Amino acid sequence: VEEELQEQEFLDRCFQEMLEEEEQDWFIPARDLPQGMAQLQQQLHGLAVGDGSDDILSKSNLNPDAKEFVPGVKY
């Protein structure tokens, strides 16, 4: 029983070391980026994508039924 407990403790330590090594390899912006970069990242998260897209679509004169453009292919 004592040997099983020692083996389990050894496995637990190995598993914990493996997790710690993995954590070091992970990219964590708050930890790994310089302070200015972290602020820039926060600003980027605050930006909205697609604002005003309804206006662009309503003014478009593109043909929705046209074939898809493929560079180098002549129709």
N, C-alpha and C. Protein backbone atom coordinates (compact mmCIF):
# COMPACT_ATOMS: atom_id res chain seq x y z
N VAL A 1 0.84 -1.19 0.00
CA VAL A 1 0.00 0.00 0.00
C VAL A 1 0.88 1.26 0.00
N GLU A 2 1.94 1.22 0.81
CA GLU A 2 2.85 2.36 0.88
C GLU A 2 3.52 2.61 -0.48
N GLU A 3 3.87 1.53 -1.17
CA GLU A 3 4.49 1.67 -2.49
C GLU A 3 3.51 2.31 -3.48
N GLU A 4 2.25 1.92 -3.40
CA GLU A 4 1.23 2.52 -4.28
C GLU A 4 1.07 4.00 -3.99
N LEU A 5 1.09 4.38 -2.72
CA LEU A 5 0.99 5.79 -2.35
C LEU A 5 2.18 6.58 -2.88
N GLN A 6 3.38 6.01 -2.77
CA GLN A 6 4.57 6.68 -3.28
C GLN A 6 4.50 6.82 -4.81
N GLU A 7 4.01 5.78 -5.45
CA GLU A 7 3.88 5.83 -6.91
C GLU A 7 2.87 6.90 -7.32
N GLN A 8 1.76 6.97 -6.59
CA GLN A 8 0.74 7.98 -6.89
C GLN A 8 1.28 9.39 -6.66
N GLU A 9 2.04 9.58 -5.58
CA GLU A 9 2.64 10.88 -5.30
C GLU A 9 3.62 11.26 -6.41
N PHE A 10 4.42 10.28 -6.88
CA PHE A 10 5.36 10.53 -7.97
C PHE A 10 4.61 10.94 -9.24
N LEU A 11 3.55 10.23 -9.55
CA LEU A 11 2.75 10.57 -10.74
C LEU A 11 2.14 11.96 -10.61
N ASP A 12 1.66 12.29 -9.44
CA ASP A 12 1.08 13.63 -9.21
C ASP A 12 2.13 14.72 -9.42
N ARG A 13 3.34 14.50 -8.91
CA ARG A 13 4.42 15.49 -9.09
C ARG A 13 4.77 15.64 -10.57
N CYS A 14 4.87 14.51 -11.27
CA CYS A 14 5.19 14.56 -12.71
C CYS A 14 4.10 15.32 -13.47
N PHE A 15 2.87 15.03 -13.13
CA PHE A 15 1.75 15.70 -13.80
C PHE A 15 1.78 17.20 -13.52
N GLN A 16 2.06 17.57 -12.28
CA GLN A 16 2.12 18.98 -11.91
C GLN A 16 3.26 19.68 -12.65
N GLU A 17 4.42 19.03 -12.75
CA GLU A 17 5.55 19.61 -13.48
C GLU A 17 5.20 19.79 -14.96
N MET A 18 4.49 18.82 -15.52
CA MET A 18 4.09 18.90 -16.92
C MET A 18 3.16 20.10 -17.12
N LEU A 19 2.22 20.29 -16.22
CA LEU A 19 1.30 21.43 -16.32
C LEU A 19 2.05 22.75 -16.22
N GLU A 20 3.03 22.83 -15.31
CA GLU A 20 3.81 24.05 -15.16
C GLU A 20 4.62 24.35 -16.41
N GLU A 21 5.20 23.33 -17.03
CA GLU A 21 5.95 23.52 -18.27
C GLU A 21 5.03 23.99 -19.39
N GLU A 22 3.85 23.40 -19.48
CA GLU A 22 2.90 23.80 -20.51
C GLU A 22 2.49 25.25 -20.31
N GLU A 23 2.25 25.65 -19.07
CA GLU A 23 1.83 27.02 -18.78
C GLU A 23 2.89 28.03 -19.20
N GLN A 24 4.15 27.66 -19.06
CA GLN A 24 5.24 28.55 -19.47
C GLN A 24 5.23 28.73 -20.98
N ASP A 25 4.82 27.71 -21.72
CA ASP A 25 4.81 27.77 -23.19
C ASP A 25 3.60 28.54 -23.71
N TRP A 26 2.54 28.67 -22.93
CA TRP A 26 1.34 29.37 -23.39
C TRP A 26 1.63 30.85 -23.52
N PHE A 27 0.99 31.48 -24.50
CA PHE A 27 1.10 32.92 -24.68
C PHE A 27 -0.03 33.58 -23.90
N ILE A 28 0.33 34.31 -22.88
CA ILE A 28 -0.65 35.02 -22.05
C ILE A 28 -0.37 36.50 -22.23
N PRO A 29 -1.23 37.22 -22.98
CA PRO A 29 -0.95 38.63 -23.30
C PRO A 29 -0.66 39.49 -22.09
N ALA A 30 -1.42 39.35 -21.03
CA ALA A 30 -1.23 40.20 -19.86
C ALA A 30 0.15 39.99 -19.25
N ARG A 31 0.68 38.80 -19.40
CA ARG A 31 1.98 38.49 -18.82
C ARG A 31 3.11 38.70 -19.83
N ASP A 32 2.87 38.36 -21.10
CA ASP A 32 3.94 38.28 -22.08
C ASP A 32 4.13 39.53 -22.93
N LEU A 33 3.14 40.39 -23.00
CA LEU A 33 3.28 41.61 -23.81
C LEU A 33 3.77 42.76 -22.94
N PRO A 34 4.55 43.69 -23.53
CA PRO A 34 4.90 44.90 -22.79
C PRO A 34 3.63 45.67 -22.42
N GLN A 35 3.72 46.52 -21.42
CA GLN A 35 2.53 47.23 -20.92
C GLN A 35 1.83 48.01 -22.02
N GLY A 36 2.57 48.69 -22.87
CA GLY A 36 1.96 49.47 -23.95
C GLY A 36 1.19 48.58 -24.91
N MET A 37 1.70 47.39 -25.15
CA MET A 37 1.03 46.45 -26.06
C MET A 37 -0.28 45.97 -25.44
N ALA A 38 -0.29 45.77 -24.16
CA ALA A 38 -1.52 45.32 -23.49
C ALA A 38 -2.61 46.39 -23.62
N GLN A 39 -2.21 47.66 -23.47
CA GLN A 39 -3.18 48.75 -23.62
C GLN A 39 -3.69 48.81 -25.05
N LEU A 40 -2.79 48.63 -26.01
CA LEU A 40 -3.19 48.63 -27.41
C LEU A 40 -4.16 47.49 -27.70
N GLN A 41 -3.89 46.34 -27.12
CA GLN A 41 -4.77 45.20 -27.31
C GLN A 41 -6.16 45.49 -26.74
N GLN A 42 -6.23 46.15 -25.58
CA GLN A 42 -7.53 46.50 -25.00
C GLN A 42 -8.28 47.46 -25.92
N GLN A 43 -7.56 48.41 -26.51
CA GLN A 43 -8.19 49.35 -27.42
C GLN A 43 -8.72 48.63 -28.65
N LEU A 44 -7.95 47.67 -29.15
CA LEU A 44 -8.40 46.92 -30.33
C LEU A 44 -9.65 46.12 -30.03
N HIS A 45 -9.74 45.57 -28.83
CA HIS A 45 -10.94 44.81 -28.48
C HIS A 45 -12.17 45.72 -28.42
N GLY A 46 -11.96 47.02 -28.17
CA GLY A 46 -13.08 47.94 -28.09
C GLY A 46 -13.61 48.39 -29.44
N LEU A 47 -12.87 48.13 -30.49
CA LEU A 47 -13.31 48.55 -31.82
C LEU A 47 -14.44 47.66 -32.32
N ALA A 48 -15.38 48.28 -33.00
CA ALA A 48 -16.49 47.52 -33.57
C ALA A 48 -16.21 47.30 -35.06
N VAL A 49 -16.55 46.12 -35.54
CA VAL A 49 -16.35 45.79 -36.94
C VAL A 49 -17.70 45.88 -37.64
N GLY A 50 -17.71 46.49 -38.83
CA GLY A 50 -18.92 46.51 -39.63
C GLY A 50 -19.83 47.69 -39.38
N ASP A 51 -19.36 48.70 -38.67
CA ASP A 51 -20.21 49.89 -38.46
C ASP A 51 -20.50 50.55 -39.80
N GLY A 52 -21.74 50.87 -40.06
CA GLY A 52 -22.11 51.57 -41.29
C GLY A 52 -22.19 50.67 -42.50
N SER A 53 -22.11 49.37 -42.32
CA SER A 53 -22.13 48.47 -43.48
C SER A 53 -23.47 48.49 -44.18
N ASP A 54 -24.55 48.80 -43.48
CA ASP A 54 -25.87 48.86 -44.11
C ASP A 54 -25.90 49.98 -45.15
N ASP A 55 -25.26 51.11 -44.85
CA ASP A 55 -25.21 52.22 -45.81
C ASP A 55 -24.46 51.81 -47.06
N ILE A 56 -23.35 51.11 -46.89
CA ILE A 56 -22.55 50.68 -48.03
C ILE A 56 -23.35 49.71 -48.90
N LEU A 57 -24.05 48.78 -48.28
CA LEU A 57 -24.82 47.81 -49.05
C LEU A 57 -25.98 48.46 -49.79
N SER A 58 -26.62 49.43 -49.18
CA SER A 58 -27.76 50.06 -49.84
C SER A 58 -27.33 50.93 -51.01
N LYS A 59 -26.09 51.44 -51.02
CA LYS A 59 -25.59 52.28 -52.10
C LYS A 59 -24.84 51.48 -53.17
N SER A 60 -24.67 50.18 -52.96
CA SER A 60 -23.88 49.37 -53.88
C SER A 60 -24.59 49.21 -55.22
N ASN A 61 -23.79 49.23 -56.30
CA ASN A 61 -24.36 48.97 -57.62
C ASN A 61 -23.76 47.70 -58.22
N LEU A 62 -23.24 46.81 -57.36
CA LEU A 62 -22.68 45.55 -57.81
C LEU A 62 -23.80 44.56 -58.11
N ASN A 63 -23.55 43.68 -59.06
CA ASN A 63 -24.54 42.67 -59.45
C ASN A 63 -24.43 41.47 -58.52
N PRO A 64 -25.43 41.21 -57.70
CA PRO A 64 -25.35 40.08 -56.77
C PRO A 64 -25.38 38.73 -57.49
N ASP A 65 -25.82 38.71 -58.77
CA ASP A 65 -25.90 37.45 -59.51
C ASP A 65 -24.64 37.20 -60.35
N ALA A 66 -23.66 38.08 -60.28
CA ALA A 66 -22.45 37.93 -61.08
C ALA A 66 -21.63 36.73 -60.59
N LYS A 67 -20.83 36.16 -61.54
CA LYS A 67 -19.95 35.05 -61.15
C LYS A 67 -18.90 35.56 -60.19
N GLU A 68 -18.39 34.64 -59.40
CA GLU A 68 -17.34 35.00 -58.46
C GLU A 68 -16.05 35.32 -59.21
N PHE A 69 -15.38 36.40 -58.81
CA PHE A 69 -14.13 36.80 -59.45
C PHE A 69 -13.01 35.85 -59.03
N VAL A 70 -12.31 35.31 -60.05
CA VAL A 70 -11.16 34.48 -59.79
C VAL A 70 -10.00 35.07 -60.59
N PRO A 71 -8.94 35.53 -59.93
CA PRO A 71 -7.82 36.14 -60.64
C PRO A 71 -7.22 35.19 -61.67
N GLY A 72 -6.96 35.70 -62.87
CA GLY A 72 -6.32 34.90 -63.92
C GLY A 72 -7.30 34.13 -64.78
N VAL A 73 -8.57 34.10 -64.42
CA VAL A 73 -9.57 33.37 -65.21
C VAL A 73 -10.35 34.38 -66.02
N LYS A 74 -10.47 34.12 -67.34
CA LYS A 74 -11.22 35.02 -68.21
C LYS A 74 -12.57 34.39 -68.51
N TYR A 75 -13.61 35.23 -68.47
CA TYR A 75 -14.97 34.73 -68.71
C TYR A 75 -15.42 35.14 -70.09
